[in-house]
Amino acid sequence: MTRPSGVDPCQPHNGGVPELDPAVLAFYCDRYDEDQRLVSSPHGRLEFLRMQPLLRRYLPPPPAAILDVGGGTGIHARWLAQEGYESACSTRSQTMS
């Protein structure tokens, strides 16, 4: 398989962190509200509720420390903290944190 010419999005840039396409960043920061999607739409609510037992299956019981990498605004880190986990959220976007 031949790769298209240009920058490989999987290769590190800027100190080891891949560049995020500005259009993708703008979409998620300016036009898309993940928290609202997960609590207001039927499909989003189902996804949010279904994620909880899946995570509980693999996580140690509380109290335990959890790092939600790429967690955006922290919607999952919040419910984990409410259940007794020491929960922290890390995201690349300054506007989503």
PDB file of N, CA and C in Angstrom:
ATOM      1  N   MET A   1       0.844  -1.173   0.000  1.00  0.00           N
ATOM      2  CA  MET A   1       0.000   0.000   0.000  1.00  0.00           C
ATOM      3  C   MET A   1       0.893   1.241   0.000  1.00  0.00           C
ATOM      4  N   THR A   2       0.578   2.196  -0.816  1.00  0.00           N
ATOM      5  CA  THR A   2       1.354   3.421  -0.930  1.00  0.00           C
ATOM      6  C   THR A   2       0.687   4.523  -0.133  1.00  0.00           C
ATOM      7  N   ARG A   3       1.481   5.227   0.647  1.00  0.00           N
ATOM      8  CA  ARG A   3       0.963   6.361   1.412  1.00  0.00           C
ATOM      9  C   ARG A   3       0.880   7.582   0.510  1.00  0.00           C
ATOM     10  N   PRO A   4      -0.152   8.417   0.710  1.00  0.00           N
ATOM     11  CA  PRO A   4      -0.205   9.663  -0.054  1.00  0.00           C
ATOM     12  C   PRO A   4       0.932  10.579   0.368  1.00  0.00           C
ATOM     13  N   SER A   5       1.327  11.447  -0.535  1.00  0.00           N
ATOM     14  CA  SER A   5       2.405  12.373  -0.195  1.00  0.00           C
ATOM     15  C   SER A   5       1.917  13.380   0.838  1.00  0.00           C
ATOM     16  N   GLY A   6       2.844  13.943   1.571  1.00  0.00           N
ATOM     17  CA  GLY A   6       2.490  14.910   2.599  1.00  0.00           C
ATOM     18  C   GLY A   6       2.857  14.390   3.971  1.00  0.00           C
ATOM     19  N   VAL A   7       2.311  15.019   4.978  1.00  0.00           N
ATOM     20  CA  VAL A   7       2.623  14.678   6.359  1.00  0.00           C
ATOM     21  C   VAL A   7       1.818  13.457   6.781  1.00  0.00           C
ATOM     22  N   ASP A   8       2.498  12.505   7.392  1.00  0.00           N
ATOM     23  CA  ASP A   8       1.833  11.338   7.944  1.00  0.00           C
ATOM     24  C   ASP A   8       1.232  11.734   9.283  1.00  0.00           C
ATOM     25  N   PRO A   9      -0.100  11.672   9.461  1.00  0.00           N
ATOM     26  CA  PRO A   9      -0.706  12.124  10.703  1.00  0.00           C
ATOM     27  C   PRO A   9      -0.306  11.291  11.912  1.00  0.00           C
ATOM     28  N   CYS A  10       0.250  10.115  11.684  1.00  0.00           N
ATOM     29  CA  CYS A  10       0.661   9.255  12.795  1.00  0.00           C
ATOM     30  C   CYS A  10       2.092   9.513  13.245  1.00  0.00           C
ATOM     31  N   GLN A  11       2.819  10.325  12.512  1.00  0.00           N
ATOM     32  CA  GLN A  11       4.198  10.632  12.880  1.00  0.00           C
ATOM     33  C   GLN A  11       4.222  11.845  13.803  1.00  0.00           C
ATOM     34  N   PRO A  12       5.115  11.820  14.802  1.00  0.00           N
ATOM     35  CA  PRO A  12       5.162  12.937  15.750  1.00  0.00           C
ATOM     36  C   PRO A  12       5.681  14.229  15.124  1.00  0.00           C
ATOM     37  N   HIS A  13       5.144  15.315  15.585  1.00  0.00           N
ATOM     38  CA  HIS A  13       5.544  16.671  15.195  1.00  0.00           C
ATOM     39  C   HIS A  13       5.525  17.519  16.458  1.00  0.00           C
ATOM     40  N   ASN A  14       6.186  18.635  16.467  1.00  0.00           N
ATOM     41  CA  ASN A  14       6.164  19.570  17.610  1.00  0.00           C
ATOM     42  C   ASN A  14       6.427  18.871  18.933  1.00  0.00           C
ATOM     43  N   GLY A  15       7.615  18.354  19.092  1.00  0.00           N
ATOM     44  CA  GLY A  15       7.975  17.756  20.368  1.00  0.00           C
ATOM     45  C   GLY A  15       7.322  16.413  20.621  1.00  0.00           C
ATOM     46  N   GLY A  16       6.986  15.674  19.594  1.00  0.00           N
ATOM     47  CA  GLY A  16       6.442  14.341  19.775  1.00  0.00           C
ATOM     48  C   GLY A  16       4.927  14.257  19.740  1.00  0.00           C
ATOM     49  N   VAL A  17       4.231  15.384  19.676  1.00  0.00           N
ATOM     50  CA  VAL A  17       2.768  15.364  19.633  1.00  0.00           C
ATOM     51  C   VAL A  17       2.318  15.620  18.203  1.00  0.00           C
ATOM     52  N   PRO A  18       1.499  14.717  17.631  1.00  0.00           N
ATOM     53  CA  PRO A  18       1.037  14.944  16.259  1.00  0.00           C
ATOM     54  C   PRO A  18       0.224  16.233  16.154  1.00  0.00           C
ATOM     55  N   GLU A  19       0.349  16.906  15.030  1.00  0.00           N
ATOM     56  CA  GLU A  19      -0.435  18.115  14.781  1.00  0.00           C
ATOM     57  C   GLU A  19      -1.910  17.746  14.667  1.00  0.00           C
ATOM     58  N   LEU A  20      -2.771  18.597  15.204  1.00  0.00           N
ATOM     59  CA  LEU A  20      -4.207  18.418  15.065  1.00  0.00           C
ATOM     60  C   LEU A  20      -4.679  19.334  13.954  1.00  0.00           C
ATOM     61  N   ASP A  21      -5.360  18.768  12.995  1.00  0.00           N
ATOM     62  CA  ASP A  21      -5.879  19.545  11.877  1.00  0.00           C
ATOM     63  C   ASP A  21      -6.733  20.691  12.425  1.00  0.00           C
ATOM     64  N   PRO A  22      -6.461  21.933  12.022  1.00  0.00           N
ATOM     65  CA  PRO A  22      -7.232  23.074  12.526  1.00  0.00           C
ATOM     66  C   PRO A  22      -8.730  22.955  12.273  1.00  0.00           C
ATOM     67  N   ALA A  23      -9.125  22.327  11.178  1.00  0.00           N
ATOM     68  CA  ALA A  23     -10.546  22.161  10.890  1.00  0.00           C
ATOM     69  C   ALA A  23     -11.199  21.207  11.899  1.00  0.00           C
ATOM     70  N   VAL A  24     -10.477  20.172  12.291  1.00  0.00           N
ATOM     71  CA  VAL A  24     -10.988  19.231  13.290  1.00  0.00           C
ATOM     72  C   VAL A  24     -11.110  19.931  14.641  1.00  0.00           C
ATOM     73  N   LEU A  25     -10.086  20.660  15.018  1.00  0.00           N
ATOM     74  CA  LEU A  25     -10.112  21.399  16.276  1.00  0.00           C
ATOM     75  C   LEU A  25     -11.264  22.400  16.290  1.00  0.00           C
ATOM     76  N   ALA A  26     -11.444  23.132  15.209  1.00  0.00           N
ATOM     77  CA  ALA A  26     -12.529  24.113  15.131  1.00  0.00           C
ATOM     78  C   ALA A  26     -13.888  23.442  15.257  1.00  0.00           C
ATOM     79  N   PHE A  27     -14.061  22.293  14.632  1.00  0.00           N
ATOM     80  CA  PHE A  27     -15.341  21.584  14.706  1.00  0.00           C
ATOM     81  C   PHE A  27     -15.665  21.222  16.146  1.00  0.00           C
ATOM     82  N   TYR A  28     -14.713  20.594  16.845  1.00  0.00           N
ATOM     83  CA  TYR A  28     -14.978  20.137  18.205  1.00  0.00           C
ATOM     84  C   TYR A  28     -15.014  21.261  19.227  1.00  0.00           C
ATOM     85  N   CYS A  29     -14.348  22.355  18.958  1.00  0.00           N
ATOM     86  CA  CYS A  29     -14.339  23.466  19.911  1.00  0.00           C
ATOM     87  C   CYS A  29     -15.445  24.477  19.663  1.00  0.00           C
ATOM     88  N   ASP A  30     -15.817  24.681  18.408  1.00  0.00           N
ATOM     89  CA  ASP A  30     -16.755  25.747  18.074  1.00  0.00           C
ATOM     90  C   ASP A  30     -18.162  25.267  17.722  1.00  0.00           C
ATOM     91  N   ARG A  31     -18.286  24.075  17.144  1.00  0.00           N
ATOM     92  CA  ARG A  31     -19.592  23.655  16.628  1.00  0.00           C
ATOM     93  C   ARG A  31     -20.144  22.396  17.279  1.00  0.00           C
ATOM     94  N   TYR A  32     -19.387  21.741  18.112  1.00  0.00           N
ATOM     95  CA  TYR A  32     -19.794  20.440  18.614  1.00  0.00           C
ATOM     96  C   TYR A  32     -19.730  20.440  20.130  1.00  0.00           C
ATOM     97  N   ASP A  33     -20.787  20.080  20.792  1.00  0.00           N
ATOM     98  CA  ASP A  33     -20.837  20.047  22.246  1.00  0.00           C
ATOM     99  C   ASP A  33     -21.024  18.600  22.685  1.00  0.00           C
ATOM    100  N   GLU A  34     -19.921  17.928  22.972  1.00  0.00           N
ATOM    101  CA  GLU A  34     -19.950  16.504  23.329  1.00  0.00           C
ATOM    102  C   GLU A  34     -20.740  16.257  24.608  1.00  0.00           C
ATOM    103  N   ASP A  35     -20.605  17.124  25.588  1.00  0.00           N
ATOM    104  CA  ASP A  35     -21.375  16.945  26.821  1.00  0.00           C
ATOM    105  C   ASP A  35     -22.873  16.963  26.523  1.00  0.00           C
ATOM    106  N   GLN A  36     -23.322  17.927  25.744  1.00  0.00           N
ATOM    107  CA  GLN A  36     -24.739  18.004  25.394  1.00  0.00           C
ATOM    108  C   GLN A  36     -25.188  16.778  24.602  1.00  0.00           C
ATOM    109  N   ARG A  37     -24.359  16.354  23.666  1.00  0.00           N
ATOM    110  CA  ARG A  37     -24.719  15.194  22.855  1.00  0.00           C
ATOM    111  C   ARG A  37     -24.918  13.962  23.731  1.00  0.00           C
ATOM    112  N   LEU A  38     -24.067  13.805  24.740  1.00  0.00           N
ATOM    113  CA  LEU A  38     -24.129  12.607  25.578  1.00  0.00           C
ATOM    114  C   LEU A  38     -25.255  12.629  26.603  1.00  0.00           C
ATOM    115  N   VAL A  39     -25.865  13.770  26.836  1.00  0.00           N
ATOM    116  CA  VAL A  39     -26.949  13.815  27.816  1.00  0.00           C
ATOM    117  C   VAL A  39     -28.298  14.191  27.225  1.00  0.00           C
ATOM    118  N   SER A  40     -28.333  14.685  25.992  1.00  0.00           N
ATOM    119  CA  SER A  40     -29.614  15.166  25.472  1.00  0.00           C
ATOM    120  C   SER A  40     -30.191  14.322  24.343  1.00  0.00           C
ATOM    121  N   SER A  41     -29.373  13.772  23.480  1.00  0.00           N
ATOM    122  CA  SER A  41     -29.918  12.972  22.385  1.00  0.00           C
ATOM    123  C   SER A  41     -30.102  11.529  22.848  1.00  0.00           C
ATOM    124  N   PRO A  42     -31.089  10.828  22.326  1.00  0.00           N
ATOM    125  CA  PRO A  42     -31.295   9.431  22.728  1.00  0.00           C
ATOM    126  C   PRO A  42     -30.064   8.550  22.493  1.00  0.00           C
ATOM    127  N   HIS A  43     -29.447   8.696  21.326  1.00  0.00           N
ATOM    128  CA  HIS A  43     -28.266   7.878  21.039  1.00  0.00           C
ATOM    129  C   HIS A  43     -27.092   8.261  21.945  1.00  0.00           C
ATOM    130  N   GLY A  44     -26.931   9.553  22.195  1.00  0.00           N
ATOM    131  CA  GLY A  44     -25.860  10.012  23.062  1.00  0.00           C
ATOM    132  C   GLY A  44     -26.049   9.538  24.492  1.00  0.00           C
ATOM    133  N   ARG A  45     -27.277   9.619  24.980  1.00  0.00           N
ATOM    134  CA  ARG A  45     -27.572   9.166  26.351  1.00  0.00           C
ATOM    135  C   ARG A  45     -27.304   7.668  26.482  1.00  0.00           C
ATOM    136  N   LEU A  46     -27.722   6.897  25.472  1.00  0.00           N
ATOM    137  CA  LEU A  46     -27.461   5.457  25.483  1.00  0.00           C
ATOM    138  C   LEU A  46     -25.959   5.185  25.505  1.00  0.00           C
ATOM    139  N   GLU A  47     -25.206   5.904  24.683  1.00  0.00           N
ATOM    140  CA  GLU A  47     -23.750   5.740  24.652  1.00  0.00           C
ATOM    141  C   GLU A  47     -23.134   6.069  26.013  1.00  0.00           C
ATOM    142  N   PHE A  48     -23.562   7.190  26.603  1.00  0.00           N
ATOM    143  CA  PHE A  48     -23.032   7.607  27.895  1.00  0.00           C
ATOM    144  C   PHE A  48     -23.327   6.560  28.975  1.00  0.00           C
ATOM    145  N   LEU A  49     -24.559   6.092  29.028  1.00  0.00           N
ATOM    146  CA  LEU A  49     -24.940   5.102  30.033  1.00  0.00           C
ATOM    147  C   LEU A  49     -24.282   3.750  29.786  1.00  0.00           C
ATOM    148  N   ARG A  50     -24.128   3.368  28.537  1.00  0.00           N
ATOM    149  CA  ARG A  50     -23.492   2.078  28.213  1.00  0.00           C
ATOM    150  C   ARG A  50     -21.999   2.093  28.521  1.00  0.00           C
ATOM    151  N   MET A  51     -21.361   3.235  28.402  1.00  0.00           N
ATOM    152  CA  MET A  51     -19.929   3.334  28.676  1.00  0.00           C
ATOM    153  C   MET A  51     -19.626   3.044  30.143  1.00  0.00           C
ATOM    154  N   GLN A  52     -20.536   3.385  31.033  1.00  0.00           N
ATOM    155  CA  GLN A  52     -20.278   3.231  32.460  1.00  0.00           C
ATOM    156  C   GLN A  52     -20.070   1.777  32.875  1.00  0.00           C
ATOM    157  N   PRO A  53     -20.958   0.840  32.544  1.00  0.00           N
ATOM    158  CA  PRO A  53     -20.681  -0.552  32.932  1.00  0.00           C
ATOM    159  C   PRO A  53     -19.473  -1.147  32.214  1.00  0.00           C
ATOM    160  N   LEU A  54     -19.198  -0.683  31.007  1.00  0.00           N
ATOM    161  CA  LEU A  54     -18.010  -1.171  30.305  1.00  0.00           C
ATOM    162  C   LEU A  54     -16.747  -0.748  31.038  1.00  0.00           C
ATOM    163  N   LEU A  55     -16.690   0.503  31.472  1.00  0.00           N
ATOM    164  CA  LEU A  55     -15.523   0.959  32.229  1.00  0.00           C
ATOM    165  C   LEU A  55     -15.442   0.262  33.586  1.00  0.00           C
ATOM    166  N   ARG A  56     -16.581   0.121  34.250  1.00  0.00           N
ATOM    167  CA  ARG A  56     -16.580  -0.559  35.556  1.00  0.00           C
ATOM    168  C   ARG A  56     -16.050  -1.988  35.450  1.00  0.00           C
ATOM    169  N   ARG A  57     -16.290  -2.633  34.352  1.00  0.00           N
ATOM    170  CA  ARG A  57     -15.844  -4.013  34.155  1.00  0.00           C
ATOM    171  C   ARG A  57     -14.322  -4.119  34.201  1.00  0.00           C
ATOM    172  N   TYR A  58     -13.628  -3.109  33.697  1.00  0.00           N
ATOM    173  CA  TYR A  58     -12.169  -3.182  33.568  1.00  0.00           C
ATOM    174  C   TYR A  58     -11.395  -2.351  34.592  1.00  0.00           C
ATOM    175  N   LEU A  59     -12.068  -1.431  35.251  1.00  0.00           N
ATOM    176  CA  LEU A  59     -11.387  -0.592  36.239  1.00  0.00           C
ATOM    177  C   LEU A  59     -11.341  -1.289  37.595  1.00  0.00           C
ATOM    178  N   PRO A  60     -10.307  -0.988  38.381  1.00  0.00           N
ATOM    179  CA  PRO A  60     -10.316  -1.498  39.752  1.00  0.00           C
ATOM    180  C   PRO A  60     -11.418  -0.788  40.533  1.00  0.00           C
ATOM    181  N   PRO A  61     -11.877  -1.373  41.617  1.00  0.00           N
ATOM    182  CA  PRO A  61     -12.928  -0.696  42.390  1.00  0.00           C
ATOM    183  C   PRO A  61     -12.389   0.576  43.047  1.00  0.00           C
ATOM    184  N   PRO A  62     -13.273   1.545  43.307  1.00  0.00           N
ATOM    185  CA  PRO A  62     -12.826   2.737  44.008  1.00  0.00           C
ATOM    186  C   PRO A  62     -12.470   2.389  45.455  1.00  0.00           C
ATOM    187  N   PRO A  63     -11.569   3.107  46.066  1.00  0.00           N
ATOM    188  CA  PRO A  63     -10.866   4.269  45.539  1.00  0.00           C
ATOM    189  C   PRO A  63      -9.686   3.836  44.676  1.00  0.00           C
ATOM    190  N   ALA A  64      -9.564   4.412  43.545  1.00  0.00           N
ATOM    191  CA  ALA A  64      -8.447   4.183  42.635  1.00  0.00           C
ATOM    192  C   ALA A  64      -8.249   5.467  41.847  1.00  0.00           C
ATOM    193  N   ALA A  65      -7.046   5.682  41.356  1.00  0.00           N
ATOM    194  CA  ALA A  65      -6.755   6.877  40.557  1.00  0.00           C
ATOM    195  C   ALA A  65      -7.002   6.564  39.091  1.00  0.00           C
ATOM    196  N   ILE A  66      -7.739   7.430  38.413  1.00  0.00           N
ATOM    197  CA  ILE A  66      -8.095   7.262  37.003  1.00  0.00           C
ATOM    198  C   ILE A  66      -7.641   8.508  36.243  1.00  0.00           C
ATOM    199  N   LEU A  67      -6.965   8.304  35.123  1.00  0.00           N
ATOM    200  CA  LEU A  67      -6.609   9.403  34.229  1.00  0.00           C
ATOM    201  C   LEU A  67      -7.384   9.218  32.934  1.00  0.00           C
ATOM    202  N   ASP A  68      -8.261  10.137  32.638  1.00  0.00           N
ATOM    203  CA  ASP A  68      -9.064  10.124  31.423  1.00  0.00           C
ATOM    204  C   ASP A  68      -8.298  10.909  30.357  1.00  0.00           C
ATOM    205  N   VAL A  69      -7.500  10.210  29.568  1.00  0.00           N
ATOM    206  CA  VAL A  69      -6.683  10.853  28.536  1.00  0.00           C
ATOM    207  C   VAL A  69      -7.550  11.102  27.308  1.00  0.00           C
ATOM    208  N   GLY A  70      -7.521  12.330  26.827  1.00  0.00           N
ATOM    209  CA  GLY A  70      -8.361  12.692  25.686  1.00  0.00           C
ATOM    210  C   GLY A  70      -9.811  12.861  26.108  1.00  0.00           C
ATOM    211  N   GLY A  71     -10.013  13.206  27.372  1.00  0.00           N
ATOM    212  CA  GLY A  71     -11.353  13.256  27.944  1.00  0.00           C
ATOM    213  C   GLY A  71     -12.147  14.508  27.649  1.00  0.00           C
ATOM    214  N   GLY A  72     -11.630  15.384  26.809  1.00  0.00           N
ATOM    215  CA  GLY A  72     -12.389  16.580  26.432  1.00  0.00           C
ATOM    216  C   GLY A  72     -12.779  17.409  27.636  1.00  0.00           C
ATOM    217  N   THR A  73     -14.066  17.597  27.834  1.00  0.00           N
ATOM    218  CA  THR A  73     -14.555  18.430  28.931  1.00  0.00           C
ATOM    219  C   THR A  73     -14.668  17.675  30.243  1.00  0.00           C
ATOM    220  N   GLY A  74     -14.414  16.386  30.245  1.00  0.00           N
ATOM    221  CA  GLY A  74     -14.385  15.612  31.483  1.00  0.00           C
ATOM    222  C   GLY A  74     -15.701  14.987  31.890  1.00  0.00           C
ATOM    223  N   ILE A  75     -16.603  14.785  30.962  1.00  0.00           N
ATOM    224  CA  ILE A  75     -17.911  14.235  31.325  1.00  0.00           C
ATOM    225  C   ILE A  75     -17.799  12.846  31.966  1.00  0.00           C
ATOM    226  N   HIS A  76     -16.868  12.030  31.516  1.00  0.00           N
ATOM    227  CA  HIS A  76     -16.692  10.710  32.133  1.00  0.00           C
ATOM    228  C   HIS A  76     -15.885  10.810  33.427  1.00  0.00           C
ATOM    229  N   ALA A  77     -14.896  11.695  33.465  1.00  0.00           N
ATOM    230  CA  ALA A  77     -14.107  11.881  34.681  1.00  0.00           C
ATOM    231  C   ALA A  77     -14.992  12.346  35.834  1.00  0.00           C
ATOM    232  N   ARG A  78     -16.028  13.119  35.539  1.00  0.00           N
ATOM    233  CA  ARG A  78     -16.926  13.619  36.594  1.00  0.00           C
ATOM    234  C   ARG A  78     -17.705  12.485  37.249  1.00  0.00           C
ATOM    235  N   TRP A  79     -18.309  11.600  36.445  1.00  0.00           N
ATOM    236  CA  TRP A  79     -19.091  10.537  37.089  1.00  0.00           C
ATOM    237  C   TRP A  79     -18.182   9.544  37.801  1.00  0.00           C
ATOM    238  N   LEU A  80     -16.958   9.360  37.288  1.00  0.00           N
ATOM    239  CA  LEU A  80     -16.011   8.491  37.988  1.00  0.00           C
ATOM    240  C   LEU A  80     -15.645   9.085  39.348  1.00  0.00           C
ATOM    241  N   ALA A  81     -15.457  10.391  39.410  1.00  0.00           N
ATOM    242  CA  ALA A  81     -15.152  11.057  40.681  1.00  0.00           C
ATOM    243  C   ALA A  81     -16.329  10.923  41.647  1.00  0.00           C
ATOM    244  N   GLN A  82     -17.549  11.039  41.138  1.00  0.00           N
ATOM    245  CA  GLN A  82     -18.735  10.903  41.983  1.00  0.00           C
ATOM    246  C   GLN A  82     -18.850   9.496  42.575  1.00  0.00           C
ATOM    247  N   GLU A  83     -18.276   8.515  41.892  1.00  0.00           N
ATOM    248  CA  GLU A  83     -18.317   7.136  42.390  1.00  0.00           C
ATOM    249  C   GLU A  83     -17.150   6.807  43.314  1.00  0.00           C
ATOM    250  N   GLY A  84     -16.300   7.792  43.599  1.00  0.00           N
ATOM    251  CA  GLY A  84     -15.239   7.590  44.555  1.00  0.00           C
ATOM    252  C   GLY A  84     -13.850   7.418  43.978  1.00  0.00           C
ATOM    253  N   TYR A  85     -13.725   7.540  42.670  1.00  0.00           N
ATOM    254  CA  TYR A  85     -12.403   7.472  42.055  1.00  0.00           C
ATOM    255  C   TYR A  85     -11.706   8.824  42.188  1.00  0.00           C
ATOM    256  N   GLU A  86     -10.398   8.794  42.275  1.00  0.00           N
ATOM    257  CA  GLU A  86      -9.615  10.017  42.147  1.00  0.00           C
ATOM    258  C   GLU A  86      -9.456  10.197  40.645  1.00  0.00           C
ATOM    259  N   SER A  87     -10.180  11.113  40.092  1.00  0.00           N
ATOM    260  CA  SER A  87     -10.316  11.217  38.647  1.00  0.00           C
ATOM    261  C   SER A  87      -9.705  12.505  38.119  1.00  0.00           C
ATOM    262  N   ALA A  88      -8.904  12.389  37.078  1.00  0.00           N
ATOM    263  CA  ALA A  88      -8.323  13.557  36.412  1.00  0.00           C
ATOM    264  C   ALA A  88      -8.530  13.397  34.915  1.00  0.00           C
ATOM    265  N   CYS A  89      -8.735  14.514  34.258  1.00  0.00           N
ATOM    266  CA  CYS A  89      -8.969  14.507  32.817  1.00  0.00           C
ATOM    267  C   CYS A  89      -7.870  15.297  32.130  1.00  0.00           C
ATOM    268  N   SER A  90      -7.363  14.731  31.056  1.00  0.00           N
ATOM    269  CA  SER A  90      -6.328  15.397  30.257  1.00  0.00           C
ATOM    270  C   SER A  90      -6.819  15.495  28.823  1.00  0.00           C
ATOM    271  N   THR A  91      -6.700  16.679  28.268  1.00  0.00           N
ATOM    272  CA  THR A  91      -7.072  16.861  26.871  1.00  0.00           C
ATOM    273  C   THR A  91      -6.089  17.807  26.224  1.00  0.00           C
ATOM    274  N   ARG A  92      -5.952  17.686  24.942  1.00  0.00           N
ATOM    275  CA  ARG A  92      -5.002  18.493  24.203  1.00  0.00           C
ATOM    276  C   ARG A  92      -5.496  19.901  23.936  1.00  0.00           C
ATOM    277  N   SER A  93      -6.787  20.061  23.907  1.00  0.00           N
ATOM    278  CA  SER A  93      -7.373  21.350  23.566  1.00  0.00           C
ATOM    279  C   SER A  93      -7.559  22.223  24.804  1.00  0.00           C
ATOM    280  N   GLN A  94      -7.006  23.426  24.778  1.00  0.00           N
ATOM    281  CA  GLN A  94      -7.179  24.368  25.876  1.00  0.00           C
ATOM    282  C   GLN A  94      -8.634  24.788  26.010  1.00  0.00           C
ATOM    283  N   THR A  95      -9.358  24.886  24.894  1.00  0.00           N
ATOM    284  CA  THR A  95     -10.735  25.383  24.945  1.00  0.00           C
ATOM    285  C   THR A  95     -11.707  24.330  25.437  1.00  0.00           C
ATOM    286  N   MET A  96     -11.348  23.050  25.373  1.00  0.00           N
ATOM    287  CA  MET A  96     -12.260  22.008  25.841  1.00  0.00           C
ATOM    288  C   MET A  96     -12.052  21.681  27.308  1.00  0.00           C
ATOM    289  N   SER A  97     -10.935  22.068  27.878  1.00  0.00           N
ATOM    290  CA  SER A  97     -10.664  21.694  29.269  1.00  0.00           C
ATOM    291  C   SER A  97     -11.308  22.658  30.237  1.00  0.00           C
TER     292      SER A  97
END
